[in-house]
Amino acid sequence: MNFVIFFLNNVRYAIDISVVEEVIPLPAITPIARLPSFIRGIINLRGSAIPVIDLKERLGIGSSTYELNNDIIVVRAHNKKAGFIVDDTLSITDIPDSFFAPPPDIISGIDIRYISSTAQIGKDLIISLNLDNILTLSEKEEFVKLEV
C-alpha cells in the first residue's frame, strides 16, 4: 500500500494515500471561535472552506508552531475534507502489508486509538494513523458545520 509519510516532532507518521487529496504549504488559517482547541480554524482552498486540525495537539504530543516549512495534508474521509498541519511531508512510500504490526500499548505518549499499526523500515519506525478515530462523533458534527 502507498502512504504519505510525514514528520511530527521528528517522528515519522503515515496516512494511507487513498484518503489524501493533496499536500499544500501552510496558508493563512482563519480562526473560528468555540471549537475544540485542536481545530485551528479554516482555510480557503480554491473557493472551499476546509477545517484545519493541529495534528500534534489532537494526538497529545504538543502543538504546532506555524512555520514556513509546515505543510497541510488535505484528506477526504466520509465525504468530508479536512486539513492536518504537519511539520514536513517526506514522501509517498509503498510499504508492504507484511511490514506492519499491531501498535504497542503506547508510542511517544499517543493514545493507542489514534494508531492503526506500525512499520519498521530500516532504522525508522513509521506510525500509521487511524483517521476514523481522530475525531469523536460530536467533534465530527462540529467539523461538518465548518465545511462550506
Protein backbone atom coordinates (compact mmCIF):
# COMPACT_ATOMS: atom_id res chain seq x y z
CA MET A 1 0.00 0.00 0.00
CA ASN A 2 1.11 3.56 -0.64
CA PHE A 3 1.34 6.04 2.21
CA VAL A 4 2.12 9.73 2.60
CA ILE A 5 4.95 9.86 5.15
CA PHE A 6 5.35 12.98 7.27
CA PHE A 7 7.04 14.28 10.41
CA LEU A 8 5.51 15.36 13.71
CA ASN A 9 8.14 16.19 16.37
CA ASN A 10 10.82 14.29 14.39
CA VAL A 11 8.75 11.08 14.39
CA ARG A 12 7.59 9.55 11.10
CA TYR A 13 3.86 9.07 10.61
CA ALA A 14 1.85 7.71 7.69
CA ILE A 15 -1.59 8.22 6.19
CA ASP A 16 -2.96 5.90 3.52
CA ILE A 17 -2.64 7.75 0.22
CA SER A 18 -6.15 6.69 -0.83
CA VAL A 19 -7.63 9.33 1.53
CA VAL A 20 -5.12 12.08 0.70
CA GLU A 21 -6.36 14.73 -1.73
CA GLU A 22 -3.21 16.85 -1.80
CA VAL A 23 -0.37 18.36 0.22
CA ILE A 24 -0.07 22.15 0.31
CA PRO A 25 2.21 24.67 2.00
CA LEU A 26 0.71 26.12 5.16
CA PRO A 27 -1.56 29.04 4.16
CA ALA A 28 -3.20 31.63 6.42
CA ILE A 29 -5.69 30.00 8.79
CA THR A 30 -8.86 31.85 9.80
CA PRO A 31 -9.63 31.09 13.46
CA ILE A 32 -13.21 30.17 14.40
CA ALA A 33 -14.49 30.68 17.96
CA ARG A 34 -15.87 27.95 20.24
CA LEU A 35 -14.29 24.93 18.61
CA PRO A 36 -12.11 22.30 20.24
CA SER A 37 -8.61 23.76 20.61
CA PHE A 38 -7.06 21.30 18.16
CA ILE A 39 -9.26 22.65 15.33
CA ARG A 40 -7.28 25.75 14.42
CA GLY A 41 -9.82 27.22 12.02
CA ILE A 42 -10.44 27.09 8.29
CA ILE A 43 -8.50 27.72 5.09
CA ASN A 44 -9.82 28.74 1.71
CA LEU A 45 -8.76 26.14 -0.82
CA ARG A 46 -9.87 27.11 -4.32
CA GLY A 47 -13.16 28.50 -3.04
CA SER A 48 -13.88 25.78 -0.46
CA ALA A 49 -13.59 26.28 3.28
CA ILE A 50 -11.54 23.42 4.73
CA PRO A 51 -11.32 22.86 8.52
CA VAL A 52 -7.72 22.55 9.76
CA ILE A 53 -6.61 20.28 12.60
CA ASP A 54 -3.41 20.70 14.57
CA LEU A 55 -2.48 17.03 14.43
CA LYS A 56 0.14 17.35 17.19
CA GLU A 57 -2.40 18.78 19.61
CA ARG A 58 -5.02 16.20 18.67
CA LEU A 59 -2.58 13.35 19.27
CA GLY A 60 -1.49 14.91 22.57
CA ILE A 61 2.14 15.45 21.58
CA GLY A 62 2.29 19.25 21.74
CA SER A 63 1.02 21.89 19.40
CA SER A 64 2.26 23.28 16.12
CA THR A 65 4.19 26.48 15.85
CA TYR A 66 3.36 27.66 12.39
CA GLU A 67 6.46 27.92 10.23
CA LEU A 68 7.09 28.35 6.53
CA ASN A 69 8.13 24.71 6.13
CA ASN A 70 4.90 23.32 7.66
CA ASP A 71 2.51 21.55 5.32
CA ILE A 72 -1.16 20.78 5.36
CA ILE A 73 -2.20 17.33 4.24
CA VAL A 74 -5.72 17.59 2.85
CA VAL A 75 -7.64 14.36 3.37
CA ARG A 76 -11.11 13.18 2.47
CA ALA A 77 -12.83 10.91 4.93
CA HIS A 78 -16.55 10.13 4.99
CA ASN A 79 -17.03 12.54 2.04
CA LYS A 80 -15.64 15.48 4.02
CA LYS A 81 -12.34 17.27 3.58
CA ALA A 82 -10.00 18.25 6.38
CA GLY A 83 -6.50 19.60 6.59
CA PHE A 84 -3.87 18.28 9.00
CA ILE A 85 -0.98 20.54 9.98
CA VAL A 86 2.27 18.55 9.86
CA ASP A 87 5.87 19.58 10.38
CA ASP A 88 7.06 18.37 7.00
CA THR A 89 5.92 15.94 4.32
CA LEU A 90 8.66 13.48 3.37
CA SER A 91 7.48 11.18 0.60
CA ILE A 92 4.97 8.81 -0.85
CA THR A 93 6.17 5.33 0.04
CA ASP A 94 4.97 1.84 -0.80
CA ILE A 95 5.01 -0.21 2.39
CA PRO A 96 4.19 -3.92 2.03
CA ASP A 97 1.47 -5.25 4.33
CA SER A 98 3.98 -7.70 5.81
CA PHE A 99 5.96 -4.79 7.31
CA PHE A 100 3.03 -3.72 9.52
CA ALA A 101 2.41 -4.90 13.05
CA PRO A 102 -0.27 -4.01 15.61
CA PRO A 103 0.74 -0.96 17.61
CA PRO A 104 2.25 -1.39 21.06
CA ASP A 105 0.24 -0.10 24.03
CA ILE A 106 1.95 3.29 23.99
CA ILE A 107 4.10 5.15 21.50
CA SER A 108 5.51 8.59 22.28
CA GLY A 109 2.58 9.24 24.61
CA ILE A 110 -0.04 8.89 21.85
CA ASP A 111 -3.36 7.28 22.70
CA ILE A 112 -3.50 3.84 21.04
CA ARG A 113 -6.89 4.57 19.45
CA TYR A 114 -5.24 7.02 17.04
CA ILE A 115 -2.81 4.40 15.70
CA SER A 116 -3.79 1.67 13.27
CA SER A 117 -0.37 -0.01 13.01
CA THR A 118 3.38 0.49 12.96
CA ALA A 119 6.02 -0.47 10.41
CA GLN A 120 9.77 -0.80 10.77
CA ILE A 121 11.60 0.39 7.64
CA GLY A 122 15.32 0.04 8.22
CA LYS A 123 16.06 2.03 11.36
CA ASP A 124 12.84 4.07 11.08
CA LEU A 125 9.62 3.33 12.93
CA ILE A 126 6.61 4.61 10.99
CA ILE A 127 3.30 5.09 12.80
CA SER A 128 0.19 4.66 10.65
CA LEU A 129 -2.71 6.80 11.86
CA ASN A 130 -6.33 5.69 12.21
CA LEU A 131 -8.23 8.64 10.72
CA ASP A 132 -11.62 7.35 11.85
CA ASN A 133 -10.63 7.94 15.47
CA ILE A 134 -9.01 11.36 15.06
CA LEU A 135 -12.43 12.99 15.64
CA THR A 136 -15.11 11.83 18.06
CA LEU A 137 -18.74 11.72 16.89
CA SER A 138 -19.63 15.10 18.42
CA GLU A 139 -16.45 16.65 17.01
CA LYS A 140 -17.29 15.27 13.56
CA GLU A 141 -20.67 17.02 13.76
CA GLU A 142 -18.95 20.34 14.60
CA PHE A 143 -16.45 19.69 11.84
CA VAL A 144 -19.16 19.16 9.21
CA LYS A 145 -20.69 22.53 10.09
CA LEU A 146 -17.40 24.24 9.18
CA GLU A 147 -17.12 22.85 5.67
CA VAL A 148 -18.70 25.13 3.12
